Amino acid sequence: MKLINNLCLLFIFFLVGCSDAPTLSRLQQDDVILAFGDSLTQGVGVSKQHSYPSVLESLSGVTVINAGISGETTSEGLNRFADVIEQHAPTLVILLEGGNDILQNKNLDETQENLNDMIEIAKSYGVEVVLIGVPQKNLFSSSAPLYQALADKHQVVFEPTLISRLMKKPSMKSDYIHFNKAGYKTMAESIYQLLTENGAF
């Protein structure tokens, strides 16, 4: 009997712990996902139909806007972010930016502040955010610590290892930085799984 009671308590604690995890609203067919970022969102290295937003659109059945601009820094992204939100009125934003800041050795405190402002802008429009972490210039890095800090602060759905995992696989890359068709397909499938696990689909 004592064992059963302990198992019940353990189950309750598990449920309570899970209840604090960030979750997403279920997306409807007429909803819009905004994929916002730099070259990894734009799909440099492949044709447009093989970019991760295009593949994600095929997987999900909802419209996915590709708002990626190659070479963009977070300060440049912040300058256009609200306008893009207003233009497309998305339900959900997938935010993948900061790689160019890291490559250009920008001040990462400023990078974090820019991303923080983007998340706050999205929230002010009632738009949910999924944050994708970007690794530091380190072979063993998962994502720069600033991404986890932002995810914790804003309680947004966060993927910390996807980009670093793909970066370590030459078979997934078209060059030193960008992915090939297989890489972007894996990226889209992983993001679709993340969205599904968090209730969007």
Protein backbone atom coordinates (compact mmCIF):
# COMPACT_ATOMS: atom_id res chain seq x y z
CA MET A 1 0.00 0.00 0.00
CA LYS A 2 2.84 2.34 0.91
CA LEU A 3 4.47 1.63 -2.47
CA ILE A 4 1.24 2.50 -4.28
CA ASN A 5 0.92 5.77 -2.34
CA ASN A 6 4.50 6.68 -3.17
CA LEU A 7 3.94 5.94 -6.85
CA CYS A 8 0.82 8.11 -6.82
CA LEU A 9 2.74 10.98 -5.24
CA LEU A 10 5.51 10.58 -7.80
CA PHE A 11 2.96 10.73 -10.62
CA ILE A 12 1.38 13.88 -9.17
CA PHE A 13 4.79 15.56 -8.89
CA PHE A 14 5.48 14.58 -12.50
CA LEU A 15 2.23 16.17 -13.66
CA VAL A 16 2.89 19.33 -11.68
CA GLY A 17 6.38 19.57 -13.13
CA CYS A 18 5.09 19.13 -16.67
CA SER A 19 2.37 21.73 -16.19
CA ASP A 20 5.04 24.46 -16.03
CA ALA A 21 6.45 23.54 -19.45
CA PRO A 22 5.76 26.08 -22.21
CA THR A 23 2.94 24.97 -24.51
CA LEU A 24 1.47 26.35 -27.71
CA SER A 25 -2.09 27.01 -28.83
CA ARG A 26 -3.40 24.55 -31.39
CA LEU A 27 -3.02 25.94 -34.90
CA GLN A 28 -5.94 26.02 -37.31
CA GLN A 29 -5.76 25.66 -41.09
CA ASP A 30 -6.09 29.39 -41.70
CA ASP A 31 -3.38 30.34 -39.19
CA VAL A 32 0.02 31.64 -40.29
CA ILE A 33 3.47 30.70 -39.03
CA LEU A 34 6.17 33.33 -39.49
CA ALA A 35 9.67 31.89 -39.89
CA PHE A 36 11.89 34.83 -39.01
CA GLY A 37 15.66 34.83 -39.24
CA ASP A 38 18.74 34.96 -41.41
CA SER A 39 20.26 32.69 -44.07
CA LEU A 40 19.28 29.45 -42.32
CA THR A 41 15.66 30.57 -42.55
CA GLN A 42 15.98 31.96 -46.07
CA GLY A 43 17.44 28.62 -47.13
CA VAL A 44 20.85 29.58 -48.55
CA GLY A 45 22.34 26.55 -50.26
CA VAL A 46 19.10 25.21 -51.75
CA SER A 47 16.23 26.38 -53.95
CA LYS A 48 13.28 28.04 -52.22
CA GLN A 49 11.06 24.96 -52.20
CA HIS A 50 13.67 23.10 -50.15
CA SER A 51 14.08 25.77 -47.47
CA TYR A 52 12.92 24.72 -44.03
CA PRO A 53 9.84 27.04 -44.05
CA SER A 54 8.65 25.52 -47.35
CA VAL A 55 9.12 21.96 -46.07
CA LEU A 56 7.44 22.86 -42.78
CA GLU A 57 4.47 24.24 -44.70
CA SER A 58 4.13 20.93 -46.55
CA LEU A 59 4.37 18.95 -43.32
CA SER A 60 1.95 21.08 -41.33
CA GLY A 61 -0.66 22.09 -43.86
CA VAL A 62 -0.62 25.71 -42.64
CA THR A 63 0.91 28.75 -44.34
CA VAL A 64 4.54 29.34 -43.37
CA ILE A 65 5.98 32.71 -44.37
CA ASN A 66 9.71 32.72 -45.09
CA ALA A 67 10.99 35.97 -43.60
CA GLY A 68 14.66 35.05 -43.67
CA ILE A 69 17.31 37.49 -44.88
CA SER A 70 20.82 36.23 -45.46
CA GLY A 71 23.51 38.03 -43.50
CA GLU A 72 21.09 39.76 -41.15
CA THR A 73 22.15 40.61 -37.60
CA THR A 74 19.74 40.85 -34.68
CA SER A 75 19.84 44.66 -34.72
CA GLU A 76 18.76 44.60 -38.38
CA GLY A 77 16.14 41.98 -37.62
CA LEU A 78 14.74 44.05 -34.77
CA ASN A 79 14.38 47.05 -37.09
CA ARG A 80 11.99 45.15 -39.38
CA PHE A 81 10.38 42.72 -36.94
CA ALA A 82 7.24 44.68 -36.01
CA ASP A 83 6.55 45.59 -39.65
CA VAL A 84 6.77 41.92 -40.68
CA ILE A 85 4.43 40.93 -37.84
CA GLU A 86 1.91 43.57 -38.94
CA GLN A 87 2.20 42.57 -42.59
CA HIS A 88 1.55 38.86 -42.10
CA ALA A 89 -0.44 38.72 -38.81
CA PRO A 90 0.99 35.35 -37.75
CA THR A 91 -0.29 33.20 -34.93
CA LEU A 92 3.19 31.86 -34.24
CA VAL A 93 6.76 33.07 -34.86
CA ILE A 94 9.74 30.74 -35.17
CA LEU A 95 12.67 32.96 -34.23
CA LEU A 96 16.08 31.81 -35.45
CA GLU A 97 18.54 34.66 -35.43
CA GLY A 98 21.87 35.64 -33.91
CA GLY A 99 24.23 33.50 -35.95
CA ASN A 100 25.66 36.49 -37.79
CA ASP A 101 26.13 38.34 -34.51
CA ILE A 102 28.19 35.41 -33.25
CA LEU A 103 30.20 35.09 -36.48
CA GLN A 104 30.91 38.84 -36.47
CA ASN A 105 31.88 38.86 -32.79
CA LYS A 106 29.11 41.29 -31.87
CA ASN A 107 28.48 42.14 -28.24
CA LEU A 108 26.29 39.22 -27.12
CA ASP A 109 24.62 41.31 -24.42
CA GLU A 110 23.27 43.47 -27.24
CA THR A 111 22.31 40.35 -29.20
CA GLN A 112 20.35 39.09 -26.22
CA GLU A 113 18.65 42.47 -25.79
CA ASN A 114 17.67 42.57 -29.47
CA LEU A 115 16.17 39.09 -29.30
CA ASN A 116 14.46 39.98 -26.04
CA ASP A 117 12.85 42.98 -27.72
CA MET A 118 11.66 40.82 -30.63
CA ILE A 119 10.03 38.37 -28.25
CA GLU A 120 8.36 41.22 -26.37
CA ILE A 121 7.10 42.72 -29.64
CA ALA A 122 5.63 39.37 -30.67
CA LYS A 123 3.92 39.03 -27.29
CA SER A 124 2.51 42.55 -27.56
CA TYR A 125 0.75 41.44 -30.77
CA GLY A 126 -0.51 38.26 -29.09
CA VAL A 127 1.86 36.11 -31.17
CA GLU A 128 3.44 33.01 -29.66
CA VAL A 129 7.18 32.46 -30.07
CA VAL A 130 9.31 29.38 -30.62
CA LEU A 131 13.00 30.14 -30.10
CA ILE A 132 15.74 28.20 -31.90
CA GLY A 133 19.20 28.40 -30.33
CA VAL A 134 22.35 29.14 -32.31
CA PRO A 135 25.69 27.63 -31.27
CA GLN A 136 28.78 29.59 -30.35
CA LYS A 137 31.93 29.26 -32.45
CA ASN A 138 32.85 26.08 -30.65
CA LEU A 139 32.71 22.54 -31.99
CA PHE A 140 31.15 21.25 -28.77
CA SER A 141 28.66 24.09 -28.25
CA SER A 142 24.93 23.39 -28.22
CA SER A 143 23.66 26.97 -28.20
CA ALA A 144 24.92 30.23 -26.76
CA PRO A 145 23.74 30.64 -23.12
CA LEU A 146 21.77 33.77 -24.00
CA TYR A 147 19.11 31.63 -25.74
CA GLN A 148 18.39 29.54 -22.67
CA ALA A 149 18.24 32.73 -20.59
CA LEU A 150 15.66 34.20 -22.96
CA ALA A 151 13.62 30.99 -23.04
CA ASP A 152 13.57 30.89 -19.23
CA LYS A 153 12.69 34.57 -18.91
CA HIS A 154 9.82 34.49 -21.38
CA GLN A 155 8.76 30.87 -20.91
CA VAL A 156 8.75 30.21 -24.63
CA VAL A 157 9.17 26.88 -26.40
CA PHE A 158 12.89 26.44 -27.04
CA GLU A 159 15.03 24.15 -29.18
CA PRO A 160 18.66 24.36 -27.97
CA THR A 161 20.52 21.70 -29.96
CA LEU A 162 19.01 21.35 -33.45
CA ILE A 163 21.32 23.78 -35.28
CA SER A 164 24.47 22.56 -33.54
CA ARG A 165 23.61 18.92 -34.30
CA LEU A 166 23.18 19.67 -37.98
CA MET A 167 26.32 21.82 -38.08
CA LYS A 168 28.37 18.83 -36.93
CA LYS A 169 27.19 16.64 -39.83
CA PRO A 170 28.97 17.29 -43.17
CA SER A 171 26.33 15.18 -44.92
CA MET A 172 23.72 17.82 -43.97
CA LYS A 173 25.67 20.87 -45.18
CA SER A 174 26.14 22.72 -48.47
CA ASP A 175 29.06 24.76 -47.13
CA TYR A 176 30.74 25.63 -43.83
CA ILE A 177 27.64 27.39 -42.44
CA HIS A 178 24.59 26.45 -44.48
CA PHE A 179 22.61 23.25 -44.94
CA ASN A 180 21.77 21.22 -48.01
CA LYS A 181 18.42 19.74 -49.01
CA ALA A 182 18.72 16.92 -46.46
CA GLY A 183 19.76 19.35 -43.74
CA TYR A 184 16.86 21.73 -44.22
CA LYS A 185 14.45 18.78 -44.47
CA THR A 186 15.72 17.44 -41.15
CA MET A 187 15.46 20.92 -39.69
CA ALA A 188 11.83 21.26 -40.79
CA GLU A 189 10.93 17.79 -39.52
CA SER A 190 12.52 18.51 -36.14
CA ILE A 191 10.68 21.83 -35.80
CA TYR A 192 7.42 20.19 -36.83
CA GLN A 193 7.97 17.56 -34.14
CA LEU A 194 8.73 20.28 -31.58
CA LEU A 195 5.53 22.13 -32.49
CA THR A 196 3.52 18.91 -32.31
CA GLU A 197 4.94 17.93 -28.93
CA ASN A 198 3.99 21.36 -27.60
CA GLY A 199 0.40 21.21 -28.82
CA ALA A 200 0.46 23.28 -32.03
CA PHE A 201 -0.62 20.26 -34.13
